[in-house]
Amino acid sequence: MADLSTRLKDAICGIGGRLERTRPEQVLKLGIPMPDIEMQWKAASLLQRMEVTKRLRSHSERELMALIPSVLDRAFRGEL
């Protein structure tokens, strides 16, 4: 990966306070390595599971927040 970062740094132009940039064709020439297809599928699966978990967590959080007033009310009335 150090080799790739060196090649990318060499493709960037600009000096000092000027905007450093590179042209798209220079980036395309770098030949950025991609993980094999199995690793890509595993990553996609993991991201899907993370999204499901986030939705479930958000739903649970909303339900718990809705219960707080009731719990506090019962606690102040000495029913807990």
N, C-alpha and C. Protein backbone atom coordinates (compact mmCIF):
# COMPACT_ATOMS: atom_id res chain seq x y z
N MET A 1 0.82 -1.19 0.00
CA MET A 1 0.00 0.00 0.00
C MET A 1 0.87 1.26 0.00
N ALA A 2 2.06 1.16 0.60
CA ALA A 2 2.96 2.31 0.60
C ALA A 2 3.32 2.69 -0.83
N ASP A 3 3.48 1.69 -1.68
CA ASP A 3 3.80 1.94 -3.07
C ASP A 3 2.69 2.73 -3.74
N LEU A 4 1.45 2.37 -3.48
CA LEU A 4 0.30 3.06 -4.06
C LEU A 4 0.24 4.50 -3.57
N SER A 5 0.46 4.72 -2.28
CA SER A 5 0.41 6.10 -1.76
C SER A 5 1.54 6.93 -2.35
N THR A 6 2.69 6.34 -2.57
CA THR A 6 3.80 7.06 -3.19
C THR A 6 3.45 7.43 -4.62
N ARG A 7 2.86 6.47 -5.35
CA ARG A 7 2.49 6.76 -6.74
C ARG A 7 1.40 7.83 -6.80
N LEU A 8 0.47 7.80 -5.86
CA LEU A 8 -0.58 8.81 -5.84
C LEU A 8 0.02 10.18 -5.53
N LYS A 9 0.91 10.22 -4.56
CA LYS A 9 1.57 11.49 -4.21
C LYS A 9 2.32 12.06 -5.41
N ASP A 10 2.96 11.19 -6.18
CA ASP A 10 3.70 11.63 -7.37
C ASP A 10 2.77 12.17 -8.45
N ALA A 11 1.51 11.69 -8.48
CA ALA A 11 0.56 12.12 -9.49
C ALA A 11 -0.10 13.46 -9.15
N ILE A 12 0.05 13.90 -7.91
CA ILE A 12 -0.59 15.14 -7.46
C ILE A 12 0.29 16.32 -7.83
N CYS A 13 -0.36 17.39 -8.29
CA CYS A 13 0.41 18.59 -8.62
C CYS A 13 -0.11 19.76 -7.79
N GLY A 14 0.70 20.79 -7.71
CA GLY A 14 0.36 21.97 -6.93
C GLY A 14 1.47 22.25 -5.94
N ILE A 15 1.68 23.51 -5.65
CA ILE A 15 2.78 23.89 -4.76
C ILE A 15 2.24 24.82 -3.68
N GLY A 16 2.71 24.62 -2.47
CA GLY A 16 2.39 25.52 -1.37
C GLY A 16 0.91 25.62 -1.10
N GLY A 17 0.40 26.85 -1.08
CA GLY A 17 -0.99 27.10 -0.75
C GLY A 17 -1.96 26.77 -1.87
N ARG A 18 -1.42 26.47 -3.05
CA ARG A 18 -2.31 26.13 -4.16
C ARG A 18 -2.96 24.78 -3.92
N LEU A 19 -4.13 24.63 -4.48
CA LEU A 19 -4.87 23.38 -4.35
C LEU A 19 -4.09 22.25 -5.00
N GLU A 20 -3.85 21.21 -4.23
CA GLU A 20 -3.18 20.05 -4.78
C GLU A 20 -4.24 19.16 -5.39
N ARG A 21 -4.00 18.72 -6.62
CA ARG A 21 -4.99 17.89 -7.30
C ARG A 21 -4.31 17.01 -8.33
N THR A 22 -5.08 16.09 -8.81
CA THR A 22 -4.61 15.21 -9.87
C THR A 22 -5.72 15.05 -10.89
N ARG A 23 -5.35 14.66 -12.07
CA ARG A 23 -6.35 14.46 -13.13
C ARG A 23 -6.87 13.03 -13.04
N PRO A 24 -8.14 12.82 -13.38
CA PRO A 24 -8.73 11.48 -13.30
C PRO A 24 -7.93 10.42 -14.06
N GLU A 25 -7.41 10.78 -15.22
CA GLU A 25 -6.66 9.78 -15.99
C GLU A 25 -5.39 9.34 -15.26
N GLN A 26 -4.82 10.23 -14.44
CA GLN A 26 -3.64 9.84 -13.66
C GLN A 26 -4.02 8.82 -12.59
N VAL A 27 -5.17 9.02 -11.97
CA VAL A 27 -5.63 8.08 -10.93
C VAL A 27 -5.94 6.73 -11.57
N LEU A 28 -6.57 6.74 -12.75
CA LEU A 28 -6.91 5.49 -13.42
C LEU A 28 -5.67 4.70 -13.81
N LYS A 29 -4.58 5.38 -14.09
CA LYS A 29 -3.33 4.70 -14.46
C LYS A 29 -2.67 4.01 -13.27
N LEU A 30 -3.05 4.36 -12.04
CA LEU A 30 -2.38 3.82 -10.86
C LEU A 30 -2.64 2.33 -10.66
N GLY A 31 -3.73 1.81 -11.18
CA GLY A 31 -4.02 0.39 -11.01
C GLY A 31 -4.24 0.04 -9.54
N ILE A 32 -5.24 0.64 -8.93
CA ILE A 32 -5.53 0.42 -7.52
C ILE A 32 -6.04 -1.01 -7.33
N PRO A 33 -5.41 -1.79 -6.45
CA PRO A 33 -5.81 -3.18 -6.25
C PRO A 33 -7.17 -3.28 -5.56
N MET A 34 -7.94 -4.27 -5.98
CA MET A 34 -9.25 -4.53 -5.38
C MET A 34 -9.19 -5.86 -4.66
N PRO A 35 -9.95 -5.99 -3.56
CA PRO A 35 -10.01 -7.30 -2.89
C PRO A 35 -10.70 -8.31 -3.80
N ASP A 36 -10.43 -9.59 -3.57
CA ASP A 36 -11.08 -10.61 -4.40
C ASP A 36 -12.59 -10.58 -4.18
N ILE A 37 -13.33 -11.19 -5.08
CA ILE A 37 -14.80 -11.10 -5.07
C ILE A 37 -15.40 -11.68 -3.80
N GLU A 38 -14.79 -12.73 -3.25
CA GLU A 38 -15.32 -13.29 -2.00
C GLU A 38 -15.24 -12.29 -0.87
N MET A 39 -14.13 -11.58 -0.79
CA MET A 39 -13.96 -10.56 0.26
C MET A 39 -14.97 -9.42 0.04
N GLN A 40 -15.22 -9.06 -1.20
CA GLN A 40 -16.20 -8.01 -1.49
C GLN A 40 -17.61 -8.44 -1.06
N TRP A 41 -17.96 -9.73 -1.30
CA TRP A 41 -19.27 -10.23 -0.89
C TRP A 41 -19.38 -10.25 0.63
N LYS A 42 -18.30 -10.63 1.31
CA LYS A 42 -18.31 -10.64 2.77
C LYS A 42 -18.51 -9.22 3.32
N ALA A 43 -17.82 -8.26 2.70
CA ALA A 43 -17.96 -6.87 3.14
C ALA A 43 -19.38 -6.37 2.91
N ALA A 44 -19.96 -6.71 1.77
CA ALA A 44 -21.34 -6.29 1.47
C ALA A 44 -22.31 -6.90 2.48
N SER A 45 -22.10 -8.18 2.80
CA SER A 45 -22.96 -8.86 3.77
C SER A 45 -22.85 -8.21 5.15
N LEU A 46 -21.63 -7.91 5.53
CA LEU A 46 -21.40 -7.26 6.83
C LEU A 46 -22.08 -5.90 6.88
N LEU A 47 -21.98 -5.14 5.81
CA LEU A 47 -22.62 -3.82 5.77
C LEU A 47 -24.14 -3.94 5.85
N GLN A 48 -24.70 -4.95 5.20
CA GLN A 48 -26.15 -5.17 5.28
C GLN A 48 -26.57 -5.49 6.71
N ARG A 49 -25.82 -6.38 7.36
CA ARG A 49 -26.16 -6.73 8.74
C ARG A 49 -26.02 -5.52 9.66
N MET A 50 -25.03 -4.67 9.40
CA MET A 50 -24.87 -3.47 10.21
C MET A 50 -26.07 -2.54 10.05
N GLU A 51 -26.58 -2.41 8.82
CA GLU A 51 -27.75 -1.56 8.59
C GLU A 51 -28.97 -2.09 9.32
N VAL A 52 -29.18 -3.40 9.29
CA VAL A 52 -30.31 -4.02 10.00
C VAL A 52 -30.16 -3.77 11.50
N THR A 53 -28.96 -3.95 12.02
CA THR A 53 -28.71 -3.74 13.44
C THR A 53 -28.97 -2.29 13.83
N LYS A 54 -28.55 -1.35 12.98
CA LYS A 54 -28.79 0.07 13.26
C LYS A 54 -30.28 0.38 13.32
N ARG A 55 -31.04 -0.19 12.37
CA ARG A 55 -32.49 0.04 12.37
C ARG A 55 -33.15 -0.53 13.62
N LEU A 56 -32.75 -1.76 13.99
CA LEU A 56 -33.30 -2.37 15.20
C LEU A 56 -32.96 -1.57 16.44
N ARG A 57 -31.72 -1.11 16.52
CA ARG A 57 -31.29 -0.32 17.67
C ARG A 57 -32.08 0.99 17.74
N SER A 58 -32.27 1.62 16.62
CA SER A 58 -33.02 2.87 16.58
C SER A 58 -34.46 2.65 17.03
N HIS A 59 -35.06 1.56 16.56
CA HIS A 59 -36.43 1.23 16.94
C HIS A 59 -36.52 0.99 18.45
N SER A 60 -35.57 0.22 19.00
CA SER A 60 -35.55 -0.06 20.44
C SER A 60 -35.36 1.21 21.25
N GLU A 61 -34.50 2.07 20.75
CA GLU A 61 -34.25 3.33 21.45
C GLU A 61 -35.52 4.18 21.51
N ARG A 62 -36.24 4.24 20.40
CA ARG A 62 -37.50 5.01 20.39
C ARG A 62 -38.51 4.43 21.38
N GLU A 63 -38.60 3.09 21.42
CA GLU A 63 -39.53 2.45 22.36
C GLU A 63 -39.14 2.75 23.80
N LEU A 64 -37.86 2.67 24.11
CA LEU A 64 -37.41 2.95 25.47
C LEU A 64 -37.66 4.41 25.85
N MET A 65 -37.41 5.31 24.93
CA MET A 65 -37.64 6.74 25.22
C MET A 65 -39.13 6.99 25.48
N ALA A 66 -39.99 6.26 24.79
CA ALA A 66 -41.44 6.43 25.00
C ALA A 66 -41.86 5.91 26.37
N LEU A 67 -41.12 4.96 26.93
CA LEU A 67 -41.46 4.40 28.25
C LEU A 67 -40.95 5.23 29.41
N ILE A 68 -39.98 6.08 29.20
CA ILE A 68 -39.37 6.84 30.30
C ILE A 68 -40.39 7.65 31.10
N PRO A 69 -41.28 8.42 30.47
CA PRO A 69 -42.24 9.19 31.27
C PRO A 69 -43.08 8.30 32.19
N SER A 70 -43.51 7.17 31.70
CA SER A 70 -44.32 6.26 32.50
C SER A 70 -43.52 5.71 33.69
N VAL A 71 -42.30 5.31 33.44
CA VAL A 71 -41.44 4.78 34.51
C VAL A 71 -41.16 5.85 35.56
N LEU A 72 -40.86 7.07 35.12
CA LEU A 72 -40.61 8.15 36.06
C LEU A 72 -41.86 8.47 36.88
N ASP A 73 -43.02 8.46 36.22
CA ASP A 73 -44.26 8.73 36.92
C ASP A 73 -44.49 7.70 38.03
N ARG A 74 -44.30 6.42 37.70
CA ARG A 74 -44.49 5.36 38.70
C ARG A 74 -43.45 5.47 39.81
N ALA A 75 -42.23 5.85 39.44
CA ALA A 75 -41.16 5.97 40.46
C ALA A 75 -41.48 7.09 41.44
N PHE A 76 -41.97 8.24 40.95
CA PHE A 76 -42.28 9.36 41.84
C PHE A 76 -43.53 9.11 42.67
N ARG A 77 -44.39 8.21 42.21
CA ARG A 77 -45.55 7.85 43.01
C ARG A 77 -45.24 6.73 44.00
N GLY A 78 -44.01 6.24 43.95
CA GLY A 78 -43.56 5.19 44.87
C GLY A 78 -44.05 3.80 44.51
N GLU A 79 -44.40 3.60 43.26
CA GLU A 79 -44.92 2.30 42.84
C GLU A 79 -43.84 1.34 42.36
N LEU A 80 -42.61 1.78 42.34
CA LEU A 80 -41.54 0.89 41.89
C LEU A 80 -40.76 0.34 43.07
